[in-house]
């Protein structure tokens, strides 16, 4: 059964202040660590799997494991830029480049 998953990003004091400056106070505390949760909707999962094949969609917890740290930073920057946590579609547009490294097609005629 398909479902939405959560990406947890750990926050330090600098990231918390950036969230507050952006007008977002959506972080939570778990086990003494501040985190922000970004939802990966079902409709974006295919593209997400292609962009981040090492990431694991954990069925039991509903979270994403092994999400790269540099991608998490990019995702957090997208949250700050667009001032919302519903940025997965925009984040995937920036991060998933299926034609990167390929030679542009030549004229067919």
C-alpha atoms as a PDB file:
ATOM      1  CA  UNK A   1       0.000   0.000   0.000  1.00  0.00           C
ATOM      2  CA  UNK A   2       1.432   3.338  -1.006  1.00  0.00           C
ATOM      3  CA  UNK A   3       1.780   6.034   1.605  1.00  0.00           C
ATOM      4  CA  UNK A   4       3.469   9.336   2.293  1.00  0.00           C
ATOM      5  CA  UNK A   5       6.861   9.288   4.028  1.00  0.00           C
ATOM      6  CA  UNK A   6       8.642  11.787   6.262  1.00  0.00           C
ATOM      7  CA  UNK A   7      12.190  13.124   5.962  1.00  0.00           C
ATOM      8  CA  UNK A   8      13.587  14.276   9.285  1.00  0.00           C
ATOM      9  CA  UNK A   9      16.233  17.009   9.218  1.00  0.00           C
ATOM     10  CA  UNK A  10      18.154  17.656  12.408  1.00  0.00           C
ATOM     11  CA  UNK A  11      18.323  21.322  13.354  1.00  0.00           C
ATOM     12  CA  UNK A  12      21.074  23.236  15.082  1.00  0.00           C
ATOM     13  CA  UNK A  13      20.687  26.728  16.550  1.00  0.00           C
ATOM     14  CA  UNK A  14      21.526  28.419  13.229  1.00  0.00           C
ATOM     15  CA  UNK A  15      18.864  26.450  11.341  1.00  0.00           C
ATOM     16  CA  UNK A  16      16.263  27.166  14.034  1.00  0.00           C
ATOM     17  CA  UNK A  17      16.956  30.891  13.754  1.00  0.00           C
ATOM     18  CA  UNK A  18      16.716  30.702   9.941  1.00  0.00           C
ATOM     19  CA  UNK A  19      13.329  28.991  10.301  1.00  0.00           C
ATOM     20  CA  UNK A  20      12.108  31.702  12.641  1.00  0.00           C
ATOM     21  CA  UNK A  21      13.309  34.451  10.285  1.00  0.00           C
ATOM     22  CA  UNK A  22      11.398  32.766   7.467  1.00  0.00           C
ATOM     23  CA  UNK A  23       8.269  32.817   9.615  1.00  0.00           C
ATOM     24  CA  UNK A  24       8.171  29.058  10.126  1.00  0.00           C
ATOM     25  CA  UNK A  25       7.940  27.566  13.572  1.00  0.00           C
ATOM     26  CA  UNK A  26       7.250  24.001  12.533  1.00  0.00           C
ATOM     27  CA  UNK A  27      10.129  22.219  14.228  1.00  0.00           C
ATOM     28  CA  UNK A  28       9.632  19.653  16.956  1.00  0.00           C
ATOM     29  CA  UNK A  29      11.797  18.058  19.611  1.00  0.00           C
ATOM     30  CA  UNK A  30      12.397  14.341  19.748  1.00  0.00           C
ATOM     31  CA  UNK A  31      14.842  12.743  22.147  1.00  0.00           C
ATOM     32  CA  UNK A  32      16.268  16.163  23.002  1.00  0.00           C
ATOM     33  CA  UNK A  33      17.059  16.992  19.351  1.00  0.00           C
ATOM     34  CA  UNK A  34      15.212  19.566  17.298  1.00  0.00           C
ATOM     35  CA  UNK A  35      13.962  18.310  13.945  1.00  0.00           C
ATOM     36  CA  UNK A  36      11.794  19.401  11.075  1.00  0.00           C
ATOM     37  CA  UNK A  37       9.716  16.903   9.103  1.00  0.00           C
ATOM     38  CA  UNK A  38       9.226  17.228   5.365  1.00  0.00           C
ATOM     39  CA  UNK A  39       6.597  15.052   3.692  1.00  0.00           C
ATOM     40  CA  UNK A  40       7.384  12.998   0.607  1.00  0.00           C
ATOM     41  CA  UNK A  41       3.981  12.564  -1.082  1.00  0.00           C
ATOM     42  CA  UNK A  42       3.125   9.365  -2.883  1.00  0.00           C
ATOM     43  CA  UNK A  43       3.095  11.115  -6.266  1.00  0.00           C
ATOM     44  CA  UNK A  44       6.780  12.142  -5.927  1.00  0.00           C
ATOM     45  CA  UNK A  45       8.162   8.799  -4.748  1.00  0.00           C
ATOM     46  CA  UNK A  46       9.161   7.420  -8.160  1.00  0.00           C
ATOM     47  CA  UNK A  47      11.250  10.468  -8.994  1.00  0.00           C
ATOM     48  CA  UNK A  48      12.674  10.509  -5.449  1.00  0.00           C
ATOM     49  CA  UNK A  49      13.831   6.893  -5.774  1.00  0.00           C
ATOM     50  CA  UNK A  50      15.571   7.709  -9.053  1.00  0.00           C
ATOM     51  CA  UNK A  51      17.234  10.815  -7.625  1.00  0.00           C
ATOM     52  CA  UNK A  52      18.340   9.140  -4.368  1.00  0.00           C
ATOM     53  CA  UNK A  53      18.699   5.377  -4.922  1.00  0.00           C
ATOM     54  CA  UNK A  54      20.601   4.928  -1.632  1.00  0.00           C
ATOM     55  CA  UNK A  55      17.684   6.306   0.425  1.00  0.00           C
ATOM     56  CA  UNK A  56      15.432   3.681   1.996  1.00  0.00           C
ATOM     57  CA  UNK A  57      11.695   4.189   2.417  1.00  0.00           C
ATOM     58  CA  UNK A  58      11.062   2.551   5.800  1.00  0.00           C
ATOM     59  CA  UNK A  59       7.581   0.979   5.809  1.00  0.00           C
ATOM     60  CA  UNK A  60       7.529   0.406   9.570  1.00  0.00           C
ATOM     61  CA  UNK A  61       8.324   3.943  10.714  1.00  0.00           C
ATOM     62  CA  UNK A  62       7.048   5.895   7.709  1.00  0.00           C
ATOM     63  CA  UNK A  63      10.388   7.707   7.480  1.00  0.00           C
ATOM     64  CA  UNK A  64      13.227   7.842   5.000  1.00  0.00           C
ATOM     65  CA  UNK A  65      16.556   6.372   6.067  1.00  0.00           C
ATOM     66  CA  UNK A  66      20.022   6.991   4.539  1.00  0.00           C
ATOM     67  CA  UNK A  67      19.051  10.361   3.078  1.00  0.00           C
ATOM     68  CA  UNK A  68      22.307  12.122   2.036  1.00  0.00           C
ATOM     69  CA  UNK A  69      23.434  15.024   4.234  1.00  0.00           C
ATOM     70  CA  UNK A  70      24.110  17.362   1.285  1.00  0.00           C
ATOM     71  CA  UNK A  71      20.612  16.665  -0.075  1.00  0.00           C
ATOM     72  CA  UNK A  72      19.159  17.365   3.376  1.00  0.00           C
ATOM     73  CA  UNK A  73      20.926  20.729   3.352  1.00  0.00           C
ATOM     74  CA  UNK A  74      19.500  21.483  -0.102  1.00  0.00           C
ATOM     75  CA  UNK A  75      16.037  20.468   1.082  1.00  0.00           C
ATOM     76  CA  UNK A  76      16.295  22.726   4.137  1.00  0.00           C
ATOM     77  CA  UNK A  77      17.409  25.620   1.914  1.00  0.00           C
ATOM     78  CA  UNK A  78      14.332  25.040  -0.269  1.00  0.00           C
ATOM     79  CA  UNK A  79      12.125  25.197   2.831  1.00  0.00           C
ATOM     80  CA  UNK A  80      13.683  28.533   3.769  1.00  0.00           C
ATOM     81  CA  UNK A  81      13.498  29.882   0.206  1.00  0.00           C
ATOM     82  CA  UNK A  82       9.829  29.033  -0.348  1.00  0.00           C
ATOM     83  CA  UNK A  83       8.790  29.570   3.316  1.00  0.00           C
ATOM     84  CA  UNK A  84       6.817  26.314   3.494  1.00  0.00           C
ATOM     85  CA  UNK A  85       7.486  22.659   4.286  1.00  0.00           C
ATOM     86  CA  UNK A  86       5.526  21.508   1.219  1.00  0.00           C
ATOM     87  CA  UNK A  87       8.517  21.809  -1.103  1.00  0.00           C
ATOM     88  CA  UNK A  88       9.210  18.238  -2.217  1.00  0.00           C
ATOM     89  CA  UNK A  89       8.106  18.821  -5.818  1.00  0.00           C
ATOM     90  CA  UNK A  90      10.261  21.951  -6.111  1.00  0.00           C
ATOM     91  CA  UNK A  91      13.192  20.231  -4.398  1.00  0.00           C
ATOM     92  CA  UNK A  92      13.054  17.316  -6.834  1.00  0.00           C
ATOM     93  CA  UNK A  93      13.013  19.727  -9.771  1.00  0.00           C
ATOM     94  CA  UNK A  94      16.289  21.181  -8.476  1.00  0.00           C
ATOM     95  CA  UNK A  95      17.999  17.960  -7.422  1.00  0.00           C
ATOM     96  CA  UNK A  96      16.912  15.372 -10.009  1.00  0.00           C
ATOM     97  CA  UNK A  97      18.620  15.953 -13.326  1.00  0.00           C
ATOM     98  CA  UNK A  98      18.075  12.852 -15.467  1.00  0.00           C
ATOM     99  CA  UNK A  99      19.996  14.292 -18.429  1.00  0.00           C
ATOM    100  CA  UNK A 100      23.040  15.473 -16.446  1.00  0.00           C
ATOM    101  CA  UNK A 101      26.268  14.390 -18.097  1.00  0.00           C
ATOM    102  CA  UNK A 102      24.661  13.388 -21.385  1.00  0.00           C
ATOM    103  CA  UNK A 103      25.549  14.926 -24.699  1.00  0.00           C
ATOM    104  CA  UNK A 104      22.734  17.066 -26.141  1.00  0.00           C
ATOM    105  CA  UNK A 105      20.911  15.487 -29.036  1.00  0.00           C
ATOM    106  CA  UNK A 106      22.076  16.426 -32.502  1.00  0.00           C
ATOM    107  CA  UNK A 107      19.757  17.667 -35.190  1.00  0.00           C
ATOM    108  CA  UNK A 108      17.918  14.711 -36.744  1.00  0.00           C
ATOM    109  CA  UNK A 109      17.146  16.212 -40.154  1.00  0.00           C
END
